[in-house]
Amino acid sequence: MSALLAVPIDAAYWLVSALAGVLAPLPGGLAAAAAIVAFTIGVRLLVLPLGYYAFRGERARARLAPKVAALHRRHAHQPERLQHELATLYRQEGGLFTGCLPALLQVPFFAVVYRLFLSARIAGGPNVLLRQHLLGVPLGSHWLSGAGPLSAQGLVFCGLFVLLALIAMISVRLARRLAGPAAAQPAAAQPAGPGGITGVLARILPFAAVAIAALVPLAAGLYLLTTTAWAAGERLLFRRLAPAWKGGGPAAGV
């Protein structure tokens, strides 16, 4: 275990253990799982301001879509001029790349949770969290380990995959609705800069969580499920609080 991660892993271990102790009255061995959910919600609350700026960035990309399409048409045979004009447009707007920050900022948190339920020893002693269960399945187990994918353990993981896939579909649908008319543009008219990269990530990352959950411990899968569900709810909340997109006009509140 690297020295860089040792301190946050120890801190997360004691925090999750304390939460599990508080939630111990929950039946069916759900205390540790509920502690992971509570820990994840705490992480999402920490990055909530970045989630808001990510939403603003998506609204800005939707508002800029007609200008981007016009630049593609005007400089279709001048690729260097097109890239220059696009870069100028994005620079004038500023902050379009912030849509990636909430996901990127969570990477170290996810790494901590992954190592938390992977290390046999933490904080100078045995990792007792690995002995905790969810519906009879150890939180430190993997999908293809133990009895296999067709066992009771496999069914728990399959339920996790189904929930992640449903949330991913909801997230992508919300992203398309937020994009407004921009979602209907051909691929050639999509932004080639940071805004386009963020738009692609918004469509890929939710489904990537399903593949990741098949490779990581059950505890880390619970983290993924909670954080992706929170992200979808956060996006929906911001959308309801902000003025709705009106037929290709400027997106207010950006």
C-alpha atoms as a PDB file:
ATOM      1  CA  MET A   1       0.000   0.000   0.000  1.00  0.00           C
ATOM      2  CA  SER A   2       1.522   3.283  -1.020  1.00  0.00           C
ATOM      3  CA  ALA A   3       2.302   5.805   1.683  1.00  0.00           C
ATOM      4  CA  LEU A   4       0.249   8.369  -0.228  1.00  0.00           C
ATOM      5  CA  LEU A   5      -2.968   6.360   0.198  1.00  0.00           C
ATOM      6  CA  ALA A   6      -2.234   4.984   3.658  1.00  0.00           C
ATOM      7  CA  VAL A   7      -3.543   7.994   5.592  1.00  0.00           C
ATOM      8  CA  PRO A   8      -6.846   8.442   3.681  1.00  0.00           C
ATOM      9  CA  ILE A   9      -7.431   4.671   3.727  1.00  0.00           C
ATOM     10  CA  ASP A  10      -6.943   4.543   7.491  1.00  0.00           C
ATOM     11  CA  ALA A  11      -9.249   7.543   7.926  1.00  0.00           C
ATOM     12  CA  ALA A  12     -11.909   6.009   5.664  1.00  0.00           C
ATOM     13  CA  TYR A  13     -11.580   2.701   7.546  1.00  0.00           C
ATOM     14  CA  TRP A  14     -12.292   4.291  10.900  1.00  0.00           C
ATOM     15  CA  LEU A  15     -15.099   6.428   9.466  1.00  0.00           C
ATOM     16  CA  VAL A  16     -16.881   3.526   7.758  1.00  0.00           C
ATOM     17  CA  SER A  17     -16.360   1.338  10.840  1.00  0.00           C
ATOM     18  CA  ALA A  18     -17.855   4.034  13.063  1.00  0.00           C
ATOM     19  CA  LEU A  19     -20.827   4.450  10.734  1.00  0.00           C
ATOM     20  CA  ALA A  20     -21.325   0.684  10.681  1.00  0.00           C
ATOM     21  CA  GLY A  21     -21.319   0.680  14.498  1.00  0.00           C
ATOM     22  CA  VAL A  22     -23.980   3.384  14.589  1.00  0.00           C
ATOM     23  CA  LEU A  23     -26.073   1.482  12.050  1.00  0.00           C
ATOM     24  CA  ALA A  24     -25.532  -1.905  13.715  1.00  0.00           C
ATOM     25  CA  PRO A  25     -29.231  -2.299  14.673  1.00  0.00           C
ATOM     26  CA  LEU A  26     -30.079  -2.723  10.971  1.00  0.00           C
ATOM     27  CA  PRO A  27     -31.100  -6.348  10.282  1.00  0.00           C
ATOM     28  CA  GLY A  28     -29.599  -8.792   7.799  1.00  0.00           C
ATOM     29  CA  GLY A  29     -26.023  -7.554   8.094  1.00  0.00           C
ATOM     30  CA  LEU A  30     -26.901  -4.306   6.305  1.00  0.00           C
ATOM     31  CA  ALA A  31     -24.965  -2.039   8.667  1.00  0.00           C
ATOM     32  CA  ALA A  32     -21.674  -2.089   6.735  1.00  0.00           C
ATOM     33  CA  ALA A  33     -23.434  -1.709   3.373  1.00  0.00           C
ATOM     34  CA  ALA A  34     -25.451   1.224   4.725  1.00  0.00           C
ATOM     35  CA  ALA A  35     -22.224   2.746   6.062  1.00  0.00           C
ATOM     36  CA  ILE A  36     -20.717   2.597   2.561  1.00  0.00           C
ATOM     37  CA  VAL A  37     -23.796   4.339   1.168  1.00  0.00           C
ATOM     38  CA  ALA A  38     -23.583   7.038   3.853  1.00  0.00           C
ATOM     39  CA  PHE A  39     -19.853   7.475   3.185  1.00  0.00           C
ATOM     40  CA  THR A  40     -20.527   7.850  -0.554  1.00  0.00           C
ATOM     41  CA  ILE A  41     -23.228  10.444   0.043  1.00  0.00           C
ATOM     42  CA  GLY A  42     -20.728  12.388   2.133  1.00  0.00           C
ATOM     43  CA  VAL A  43     -18.265  12.294  -0.783  1.00  0.00           C
ATOM     44  CA  ARG A  44     -20.926  13.527  -3.209  1.00  0.00           C
ATOM     45  CA  LEU A  45     -21.854  16.367  -0.867  1.00  0.00           C
ATOM     46  CA  LEU A  46     -18.214  17.451  -0.882  1.00  0.00           C
ATOM     47  CA  VAL A  47     -18.192  17.731  -4.686  1.00  0.00           C
ATOM     48  CA  LEU A  48     -21.706  19.177  -4.958  1.00  0.00           C
ATOM     49  CA  PRO A  49     -20.454  22.661  -5.974  1.00  0.00           C
ATOM     50  CA  LEU A  50     -18.458  21.087  -8.809  1.00  0.00           C
ATOM     51  CA  GLY A  51     -21.575  19.195  -9.873  1.00  0.00           C
ATOM     52  CA  TYR A  52     -23.359  22.518 -10.237  1.00  0.00           C
ATOM     53  CA  TYR A  53     -20.563  23.965 -12.360  1.00  0.00           C
ATOM     54  CA  ALA A  54     -20.608  20.795 -14.458  1.00  0.00           C
ATOM     55  CA  PHE A  55     -24.301  21.379 -15.086  1.00  0.00           C
ATOM     56  CA  ARG A  56     -23.607  24.966 -16.111  1.00  0.00           C
ATOM     57  CA  GLY A  57     -20.944  23.710 -18.499  1.00  0.00           C
ATOM     58  CA  GLU A  58     -23.415  21.350 -20.156  1.00  0.00           C
ATOM     59  CA  ARG A  59     -25.946  24.164 -20.521  1.00  0.00           C
ATOM     60  CA  ALA A  60     -23.247  26.321 -22.092  1.00  0.00           C
ATOM     61  CA  ARG A  61     -22.389  23.597 -24.614  1.00  0.00           C
ATOM     62  CA  ALA A  62     -26.060  23.298 -25.555  1.00  0.00           C
ATOM     63  CA  ARG A  63     -26.282  27.049 -26.031  1.00  0.00           C
ATOM     64  CA  LEU A  64     -23.129  27.097 -28.163  1.00  0.00           C
ATOM     65  CA  ALA A  65     -24.217  24.200 -30.396  1.00  0.00           C
ATOM     66  CA  PRO A  66     -25.716  26.424 -33.148  1.00  0.00           C
ATOM     67  CA  LYS A  67     -22.532  28.538 -33.255  1.00  0.00           C
ATOM     68  CA  VAL A  68     -20.374  25.415 -33.422  1.00  0.00           C
ATOM     69  CA  ALA A  69     -22.466  24.031 -36.286  1.00  0.00           C
ATOM     70  CA  ALA A  70     -22.168  27.343 -38.143  1.00  0.00           C
ATOM     71  CA  LEU A  71     -18.382  27.298 -37.758  1.00  0.00           C
ATOM     72  CA  HIS A  72     -18.243  23.768 -39.145  1.00  0.00           C
ATOM     73  CA  ARG A  73     -20.229  24.828 -42.191  1.00  0.00           C
ATOM     74  CA  ARG A  74     -18.267  28.037 -42.727  1.00  0.00           C
ATOM     75  CA  HIS A  75     -14.815  26.449 -42.441  1.00  0.00           C
ATOM     76  CA  ALA A  76     -15.542  22.930 -43.640  1.00  0.00           C
ATOM     77  CA  HIS A  77     -12.542  23.031 -46.009  1.00  0.00           C
ATOM     78  CA  GLN A  78     -10.230  24.915 -43.642  1.00  0.00           C
ATOM     79  CA  PRO A  79      -9.509  22.543 -40.742  1.00  0.00           C
ATOM     80  CA  GLU A  80      -6.827  24.731 -39.176  1.00  0.00           C
ATOM     81  CA  ARG A  81      -9.067  27.800 -39.278  1.00  0.00           C
ATOM     82  CA  LEU A  82     -11.936  25.737 -37.872  1.00  0.00           C
ATOM     83  CA  GLN A  83      -9.863  24.544 -34.905  1.00  0.00           C
ATOM     84  CA  HIS A  84      -8.692  28.103 -34.262  1.00  0.00           C
ATOM     85  CA  GLU A  85     -12.247  29.476 -34.295  1.00  0.00           C
ATOM     86  CA  LEU A  86     -13.520  26.670 -32.054  1.00  0.00           C
ATOM     87  CA  ALA A  87     -10.684  27.210 -29.591  1.00  0.00           C
ATOM     88  CA  THR A  88     -11.471  30.936 -29.529  1.00  0.00           C
ATOM     89  CA  LEU A  89     -15.149  30.253 -28.908  1.00  0.00           C
ATOM     90  CA  TYR A  90     -14.443  27.864 -26.040  1.00  0.00           C
ATOM     91  CA  ARG A  91     -11.889  30.235 -24.548  1.00  0.00           C
ATOM     92  CA  GLN A  92     -14.401  33.083 -24.576  1.00  0.00           C
ATOM     93  CA  GLU A  93     -16.938  30.921 -22.769  1.00  0.00           C
ATOM     94  CA  GLY A  94     -14.441  29.478 -20.337  1.00  0.00           C
ATOM     95  CA  GLY A  95     -14.983  26.625 -17.928  1.00  0.00           C
ATOM     96  CA  LEU A  96     -16.454  24.099 -20.403  1.00  0.00           C
ATOM     97  CA  PHE A  97     -14.020  21.469 -19.191  1.00  0.00           C
ATOM     98  CA  THR A  98     -15.367  21.734 -15.630  1.00  0.00           C
ATOM     99  CA  GLY A  99     -17.958  19.102 -16.505  1.00  0.00           C
ATOM    100  CA  CYS A 100     -15.209  16.463 -16.127  1.00  0.00           C
ATOM    101  CA  LEU A 101     -14.076  17.623 -12.697  1.00  0.00           C
ATOM    102  CA  PRO A 102     -16.687  15.939 -10.467  1.00  0.00           C
ATOM    103  CA  ALA A 103     -15.933  12.540 -12.016  1.00  0.00           C
ATOM    104  CA  LEU A 104     -12.174  13.103 -11.951  1.00  0.00           C
ATOM    105  CA  LEU A 105     -12.256  14.333  -8.359  1.00  0.00           C
ATOM    106  CA  GLN A 106     -13.989  11.135  -7.273  1.00  0.00           C
ATOM    107  CA  VAL A 107     -11.214   8.907  -8.652  1.00  0.00           C
ATOM    108  CA  PRO A 108      -9.079   9.112  -5.475  1.00  0.00           C
ATOM    109  CA  PHE A 109     -12.152   8.483  -3.321  1.00  0.00           C
ATOM    110  CA  PHE A 110     -13.016   5.397  -5.354  1.00  0.00           C
ATOM    111  CA  ALA A 111      -9.393   4.233  -5.134  1.00  0.00           C
ATOM    112  CA  VAL A 112      -9.572   4.561  -1.352  1.00  0.00           C
ATOM    113  CA  VAL A 113     -12.790   2.522  -1.174  1.00  0.00           C
ATOM    114  CA  TYR A 114     -11.337  -0.113  -3.489  1.00  0.00           C
ATOM    115  CA  ARG A 115      -8.191  -0.514  -1.382  1.00  0.00           C
ATOM    116  CA  LEU A 116     -10.263  -0.345   1.795  1.00  0.00           C
ATOM    117  CA  PHE A 117     -12.035  -3.568   0.819  1.00  0.00           C
ATOM    118  CA  LEU A 118      -8.994  -5.160  -0.770  1.00  0.00           C
ATOM    119  CA  SER A 119      -6.337  -4.874   1.924  1.00  0.00           C
ATOM    120  CA  ALA A 120      -6.182  -7.661   4.516  1.00  0.00           C
ATOM    121  CA  ARG A 121      -4.632  -5.328   7.068  1.00  0.00           C
ATOM    122  CA  ILE A 122      -5.444  -1.667   7.691  1.00  0.00           C
ATOM    123  CA  ALA A 123      -4.386   0.725  10.440  1.00  0.00           C
ATOM    124  CA  GLY A 124      -2.003  -1.859  11.876  1.00  0.00           C
ATOM    125  CA  GLY A 125      -4.608  -4.586  12.322  1.00  0.00           C
ATOM    126  CA  PRO A 126      -6.818  -7.033  10.410  1.00  0.00           C
ATOM    127  CA  ASN A 127      -9.442  -5.494   8.150  1.00  0.00           C
ATOM    128  CA  VAL A 128     -12.628  -6.584   9.902  1.00  0.00           C
ATOM    129  CA  LEU A 129     -14.767  -4.875   7.269  1.00  0.00           C
ATOM    130  CA  LEU A 130     -13.907  -7.700   4.879  1.00  0.00           C
ATOM    131  CA  ARG A 131     -15.868 -10.023   7.142  1.00  0.00           C
ATOM    132  CA  GLN A 132     -19.064  -7.981   6.787  1.00  0.00           C
ATOM    133  CA  HIS A 133     -21.807  -9.234   4.482  1.00  0.00           C
ATOM    134  CA  LEU A 134     -24.635  -7.985   2.294  1.00  0.00           C
ATOM    135  CA  LEU A 135     -27.422 -10.554   1.932  1.00  0.00           C
ATOM    136  CA  GLY A 136     -24.930 -13.230   2.907  1.00  0.00           C
ATOM    137  CA  VAL A 137     -22.248 -12.096   0.430  1.00  0.00           C
ATOM    138  CA  PRO A 138     -18.917 -10.806   1.792  1.00  0.00           C
ATOM    139  CA  LEU A 139     -18.324  -7.159   0.931  1.00  0.00           C
ATOM    140  CA  GLY A 140     -14.773  -8.030  -0.060  1.00  0.00           C
ATOM    141  CA  SER A 141     -15.842 -10.664  -2.621  1.00  0.00           C
ATOM    142  CA  HIS A 142     -15.673 -10.359  -6.420  1.00  0.00           C
ATOM    143  CA  TRP A 143     -18.275 -11.365  -8.999  1.00  0.00           C
ATOM    144  CA  LEU A 144     -16.328 -14.308 -10.447  1.00  0.00           C
ATOM    145  CA  SER A 145     -14.761 -15.408  -7.168  1.00  0.00           C
ATOM    146  CA  GLY A 146     -16.059 -17.964  -4.699  1.00  0.00           C
ATOM    147  CA  ALA A 147     -19.104 -19.955  -5.783  1.00  0.00           C
ATOM    148  CA  GLY A 148     -19.284 -18.285  -9.191  1.00  0.00           C
ATOM    149  CA  PRO A 149     -21.754 -16.110 -11.143  1.00  0.00           C
ATOM    150  CA  LEU A 150     -24.647 -18.587 -10.888  1.00  0.00           C
ATOM    151  CA  SER A 151     -24.576 -18.772  -7.071  1.00  0.00           C
ATOM    152  CA  ALA A 152     -26.400 -16.619  -4.528  1.00  0.00           C
ATOM    153  CA  GLN A 153     -23.348 -14.385  -4.574  1.00  0.00           C
ATOM    154  CA  GLY A 154     -23.657 -14.115  -8.349  1.00  0.00           C
ATOM    155  CA  LEU A 155     -27.314 -13.135  -8.027  1.00  0.00           C
ATOM    156  CA  VAL A 156     -26.426 -10.289  -5.680  1.00  0.00           C
ATOM    157  CA  PHE A 157     -23.870  -9.024  -8.181  1.00  0.00           C
ATOM    158  CA  CYS A 158     -26.356  -9.407 -11.048  1.00  0.00           C
ATOM    159  CA  GLY A 159     -28.834  -7.278  -9.109  1.00  0.00           C
ATOM    160  CA  LEU A 160     -26.091  -4.673  -8.712  1.00  0.00           C
ATOM    161  CA  PHE A 161     -25.376  -4.763 -12.470  1.00  0.00           C
ATOM    162  CA  VAL A 162     -29.060  -4.360 -13.343  1.00  0.00           C
ATOM    163  CA  LEU A 163     -29.442  -1.351 -11.062  1.00  0.00           C
ATOM    164  CA  LEU A 164     -26.281   0.233 -12.470  1.00  0.00           C
ATOM    165  CA  ALA A 165     -27.492  -0.320 -16.051  1.00  0.00           C
ATOM    166  CA  LEU A 166     -30.890   1.258 -15.272  1.00  0.00           C
ATOM    167  CA  ILE A 167     -29.245   4.276 -13.684  1.00  0.00           C
ATOM    168  CA  ALA A 168     -26.867   4.540 -16.653  1.00  0.00           C
ATOM    169  CA  MET A 169     -29.783   4.651 -19.099  1.00  0.00           C
ATOM    170  CA  ILE A 170     -31.508   7.319 -17.011  1.00  0.00           C
ATOM    171  CA  SER A 171     -28.273   9.341 -16.844  1.00  0.00           C
ATOM    172  CA  VAL A 172     -27.730   9.207 -20.613  1.00  0.00           C
ATOM    173  CA  ARG A 173     -31.359  10.174 -21.250  1.00  0.00           C
ATOM    174  CA  LEU A 174     -31.018  13.160 -18.921  1.00  0.00           C
ATOM    175  CA  ALA A 175     -27.779  14.158 -20.658  1.00  0.00           C
ATOM    176  CA  ARG A 176     -29.495  14.092 -24.056  1.00  0.00           C
ATOM    177  CA  ARG A 177     -32.438  16.135 -22.795  1.00  0.00           C
ATOM    178  CA  LEU A 178     -30.063  18.667 -21.315  1.00  0.00           C
ATOM    179  CA  ALA A 179     -28.162  18.887 -24.609  1.00  0.00           C
ATOM    180  CA  GLY A 180     -31.366  19.985 -26.343  1.00  0.00           C
ATOM    181  CA  PRO A 181     -31.020  20.549 -30.106  1.00  0.00           C
ATOM    182  CA  ALA A 182     -27.304  19.771 -29.922  1.00  0.00           C
ATOM    183  CA  ALA A 183     -28.055  16.080 -29.450  1.00  0.00           C
ATOM    184  CA  ALA A 184     -29.677  15.942 -32.882  1.00  0.00           C
ATOM    185  CA  GLN A 185     -26.631  17.270 -34.715  1.00  0.00           C
ATOM    186  CA  PRO A 186     -24.500  14.981 -36.878  1.00  0.00           C
ATOM    187  CA  ALA A 187     -21.204  13.818 -35.462  1.00  0.00           C
ATOM    188  CA  ALA A 188     -19.265  16.208 -37.727  1.00  0.00           C
ATOM    189  CA  ALA A 189     -21.016  19.166 -36.124  1.00  0.00           C
ATOM    190  CA  GLN A 190     -20.231  18.176 -32.558  1.00  0.00           C
ATOM    191  CA  PRO A 191     -17.675  20.276 -30.667  1.00  0.00           C
ATOM    192  CA  ALA A 192     -14.127  19.098 -31.238  1.00  0.00           C
ATOM    193  CA  GLY A 193     -12.775  20.688 -28.073  1.00  0.00           C
ATOM    194  CA  PRO A 194     -13.227  20.176 -24.344  1.00  0.00           C
ATOM    195  CA  GLY A 195     -17.015  20.486 -24.580  1.00  0.00           C
ATOM    196  CA  GLY A 196     -17.216  17.577 -27.000  1.00  0.00           C
ATOM    197  CA  ILE A 197     -14.944  15.459 -24.808  1.00  0.00           C
ATOM    198  CA  THR A 198     -17.153  16.127 -21.799  1.00  0.00           C
ATOM    199  CA  GLY A 199     -20.272  15.250 -23.776  1.00  0.00           C
ATOM    200  CA  VAL A 200     -18.777  11.914 -24.791  1.00  0.00           C
ATOM    201  CA  LEU A 201     -17.764  11.186 -21.196  1.00  0.00           C
ATOM    202  CA  ALA A 202     -21.296  11.962 -20.017  1.00  0.00           C
ATOM    203  CA  ARG A 203     -22.593   9.190 -22.288  1.00  0.00           C
ATOM    204  CA  ILE A 204     -19.846   6.623 -21.645  1.00  0.00           C
ATOM    205  CA  LEU A 205     -19.024   6.882 -17.956  1.00  0.00           C
ATOM    206  CA  PRO A 206     -22.432   5.706 -16.634  1.00  0.00           C
ATOM    207  CA  PHE A 207     -22.182   2.438 -18.606  1.00  0.00           C
ATOM    208  CA  ALA A 208     -18.489   2.051 -17.780  1.00  0.00           C
ATOM    209  CA  ALA A 209     -19.569   1.749 -14.148  1.00  0.00           C
ATOM    210  CA  VAL A 210     -21.256  -1.580 -14.985  1.00  0.00           C
ATOM    211  CA  ALA A 211     -18.032  -3.016 -16.395  1.00  0.00           C
ATOM    212  CA  ILE A 212     -15.994  -1.697 -13.475  1.00  0.00           C
ATOM    213  CA  ALA A 213     -18.411  -3.214 -10.951  1.00  0.00           C
ATOM    214  CA  ALA A 214     -17.776  -6.649 -12.493  1.00  0.00           C
ATOM    215  CA  LEU A 215     -14.074  -6.355 -11.621  1.00  0.00           C
ATOM    216  CA  VAL A 216     -14.052  -4.721  -8.185  1.00  0.00           C
ATOM    217  CA  PRO A 217     -15.176  -5.931  -4.734  1.00  0.00           C
ATOM    218  CA  LEU A 218     -18.867  -5.762  -3.854  1.00  0.00           C
ATOM    219  CA  ALA A 219     -18.207  -2.839  -1.506  1.00  0.00           C
ATOM    220  CA  ALA A 220     -16.699  -0.781  -4.324  1.00  0.00           C
ATOM    221  CA  GLY A 221     -19.677  -1.751  -6.499  1.00  0.00           C
ATOM    222  CA  LEU A 222     -21.996  -0.333  -3.843  1.00  0.00           C
ATOM    223  CA  TYR A 223     -19.987   2.871  -3.959  1.00  0.00           C
ATOM    224  CA  LEU A 224     -20.415   3.006  -7.739  1.00  0.00           C
ATOM    225  CA  LEU A 225     -24.146   2.356  -7.488  1.00  0.00           C
ATOM    226  CA  THR A 226     -24.646   5.087  -4.921  1.00  0.00           C
ATOM    227  CA  THR A 227     -22.518   7.697  -6.663  1.00  0.00           C
ATOM    228  CA  THR A 228     -24.067   7.131 -10.111  1.00  0.00           C
ATOM    229  CA  ALA A 229     -27.585   7.260  -8.643  1.00  0.00           C
ATOM    230  CA  TRP A 230     -26.688  10.475  -6.823  1.00  0.00           C
ATOM    231  CA  ALA A 231     -25.260  11.980 -10.023  1.00  0.00           C
ATOM    232  CA  ALA A 232     -28.490  11.230 -11.919  1.00  0.00           C
ATOM    233  CA  GLY A 233     -30.622  12.730  -9.155  1.00  0.00           C
ATOM    234  CA  GLU A 234     -28.328  15.746  -8.936  1.00  0.00           C
ATOM    235  CA  ARG A 235     -28.609  16.352 -12.672  1.00  0.00           C
ATOM    236  CA  LEU A 236     -32.404  16.099 -12.506  1.00  0.00           C
ATOM    237  CA  LEU A 237     -32.548  18.524  -9.570  1.00  0.00           C
ATOM    238  CA  PHE A 238     -30.361  21.101 -11.291  1.00  0.00           C
ATOM    239  CA  ARG A 239     -32.444  20.772 -14.440  1.00  0.00           C
ATOM    240  CA  ARG A 240     -35.682  21.412 -12.554  1.00  0.00           C
ATOM    241  CA  LEU A 241     -34.232  24.375 -10.709  1.00  0.00           C
ATOM    242  CA  ALA A 242     -32.803  25.968 -13.866  1.00  0.00           C
ATOM    243  CA  PRO A 243     -34.957  27.497 -16.627  1.00  0.00           C
ATOM    244  CA  ALA A 244     -35.927  24.888 -19.200  1.00  0.00           C
ATOM    245  CA  TRP A 245     -34.484  24.822 -22.710  1.00  0.00           C
ATOM    246  CA  LYS A 246     -36.764  26.747 -25.054  1.00  0.00           C
ATOM    247  CA  GLY A 247     -36.691  25.717 -28.684  1.00  0.00           C
ATOM    248  CA  GLY A 248     -33.020  26.366 -29.391  1.00  0.00           C
ATOM    249  CA  GLY A 249     -32.852  29.747 -27.691  1.00  0.00           C
ATOM    250  CA  PRO A 250     -30.218  30.687 -25.157  1.00  0.00           C
ATOM    251  CA  ALA A 251     -30.165  28.584 -22.036  1.00  0.00           C
ATOM    252  CA  ALA A 252     -30.787  30.972 -19.225  1.00  0.00           C
ATOM    253  CA  GLY A 253     -28.995  30.713 -15.963  1.00  0.00           C
ATOM    254  CA  VAL A 254     -25.655  29.684 -17.535  1.00  0.00           C
END
